[in-house]
Amino acid sequence: MDIPISSICKDNPYDDIEALPKLPSDSEKRNIDSHKNSYISDRTARILKKLDYTELPMVDELIVDLYVLDNITRRALFEYAKILRRNHTSPERAADLKYIK
C-alpha cells in the first residue's frame, strides 16, 4: 500500500503533551467545589426535602453504593435505572421534578 506508517500513526502515542489534562489551579478547585456545593444545596436538597425522613438512609446507601462502584458498573446502574423509570415512574413525582431545576 505504499503508505508511510508515520502518516497514519504517531511514533509515540503517549506524547507528554497529550497524556493528561492539566490539573486545576487552586482557584479552579475552589470554583469546582463551589459548583458542587451549589448543586448539592439547590437541586439535590430540594429533591431530598420531598422524601420522607425514613427514606433518607436509603438515599445515603445509594450514594455510598454509587461512590464505590467502578465507572463501567456505574454506567450499567444508570442504564438499569432508565429501564426502571420507563416502567415504574410515579406520575406525581415526575411532575414534581419538572419544577426543580
Protein backbone atom coordinates (compact mmCIF):
# COMPACT_ATOMS: atom_id res chain seq x y z
CA MET A 1 0.00 0.00 0.00
CA ASP A 2 2.96 2.35 -0.03
CA ILE A 3 1.66 4.49 2.86
CA PRO A 4 4.25 5.55 5.40
CA ILE A 5 3.19 4.37 8.85
CA SER A 6 4.07 7.76 10.33
CA SER A 7 1.34 9.37 8.21
CA ILE A 8 -1.38 7.34 9.94
CA CYS A 9 0.19 6.58 13.33
CA LYS A 10 2.15 8.62 15.80
CA ASP A 11 5.64 7.49 16.72
CA ASN A 12 4.81 7.85 20.39
CA PRO A 13 1.08 7.74 21.18
CA TYR A 14 1.88 8.68 24.79
CA ASP A 15 3.44 12.02 23.99
CA ASP A 16 3.75 14.19 27.12
CA ILE A 17 1.78 16.97 25.51
CA GLU A 18 -1.35 14.86 25.14
CA ALA A 19 -1.09 12.44 28.06
CA LEU A 20 -3.27 14.12 30.69
CA PRO A 21 -5.24 17.31 31.03
CA LYS A 22 -3.61 19.92 33.22
CA LEU A 23 -4.52 19.86 36.88
CA PRO A 24 -6.86 22.61 38.00
CA SER A 25 -5.34 25.60 39.75
CA ASP A 26 -6.28 26.40 43.34
CA SER A 27 -8.84 28.96 42.19
CA GLU A 28 -10.32 26.45 39.72
CA LYS A 29 -10.54 23.87 42.53
CA ARG A 30 -12.43 26.38 44.68
CA ASN A 31 -14.71 27.09 41.73
CA ILE A 32 -15.38 23.37 41.24
CA ASP A 33 -16.10 22.98 44.96
CA SER A 34 -18.42 25.98 44.82
CA HIS A 35 -20.34 24.44 41.90
CA LYS A 36 -20.63 21.14 43.77
CA ASN A 37 -21.88 22.90 46.89
CA SER A 38 -24.41 24.90 44.87
CA TYR A 39 -25.69 21.76 43.17
CA ILE A 40 -26.00 19.94 46.49
CA SER A 41 -27.54 22.96 48.20
CA ASP A 42 -30.03 23.73 45.47
CA ARG A 43 -31.31 20.87 43.33
CA THR A 44 -30.33 17.91 45.47
CA ALA A 45 -31.55 19.49 48.70
CA ARG A 46 -34.94 20.29 47.16
CA ILE A 47 -35.31 16.70 45.98
CA LEU A 48 -34.23 15.33 49.37
CA LYS A 49 -36.81 17.51 51.14
CA LYS A 50 -39.55 15.80 49.12
CA LEU A 51 -38.59 12.43 50.60
CA ASP A 52 -39.88 11.14 53.89
CA TYR A 53 -37.34 11.25 56.72
CA THR A 54 -37.37 7.44 56.90
CA GLU A 55 -36.19 7.25 53.26
CA LEU A 56 -33.01 9.26 53.83
CA PRO A 57 -30.94 6.24 54.97
CA MET A 58 -31.78 4.61 51.61
CA VAL A 59 -30.54 7.73 49.80
CA ASP A 60 -27.33 7.58 51.80
CA GLU A 61 -26.94 3.91 50.89
CA LEU A 62 -27.47 4.68 47.19
CA ILE A 63 -24.85 7.43 47.28
CA VAL A 64 -22.34 5.16 49.02
CA ASP A 65 -23.03 2.34 46.55
CA LEU A 66 -22.57 4.70 43.61
CA TYR A 67 -19.35 6.07 45.06
CA VAL A 68 -17.65 2.67 45.48
CA LEU A 69 -18.58 1.28 42.04
CA ASP A 70 -16.17 1.47 39.14
CA ASN A 71 -17.17 3.61 36.14
CA ILE A 72 -18.35 0.71 33.97
CA THR A 73 -20.66 -0.56 36.70
CA ARG A 74 -21.91 2.97 37.39
CA ARG A 75 -22.96 3.26 33.74
CA ALA A 76 -24.69 -0.13 33.96
CA LEU A 77 -26.52 1.00 37.10
CA PHE A 78 -27.81 4.11 35.30
CA GLU A 79 -28.91 2.02 32.31
CA TYR A 80 -30.84 -0.24 34.69
CA ALA A 81 -32.36 2.82 36.39
CA LYS A 82 -33.56 4.07 32.98
CA ILE A 83 -35.37 0.77 32.43
CA LEU A 84 -36.95 1.00 35.88
CA ARG A 85 -38.04 4.61 35.27
CA ARG A 86 -39.56 3.68 31.93
CA ASN A 87 -41.75 1.03 33.58
CA HIS A 88 -42.30 2.25 37.14
CA THR A 89 -42.27 6.07 37.29
CA SER A 90 -44.76 7.72 39.63
CA PRO A 91 -46.58 10.40 37.60
CA GLU A 92 -46.90 12.65 40.68
CA ARG A 93 -43.18 12.50 41.45
CA ALA A 94 -42.23 13.03 37.81
CA ALA A 95 -44.45 16.14 37.78
CA ASP A 96 -42.73 17.42 40.95
CA LEU A 97 -39.32 17.20 39.28
CA LYS A 98 -40.40 19.48 36.43
CA TYR A 99 -40.31 22.38 38.89
CA ILE A 100 -36.88 21.53 40.30
CA LYS A 101 -34.04 22.69 38.07
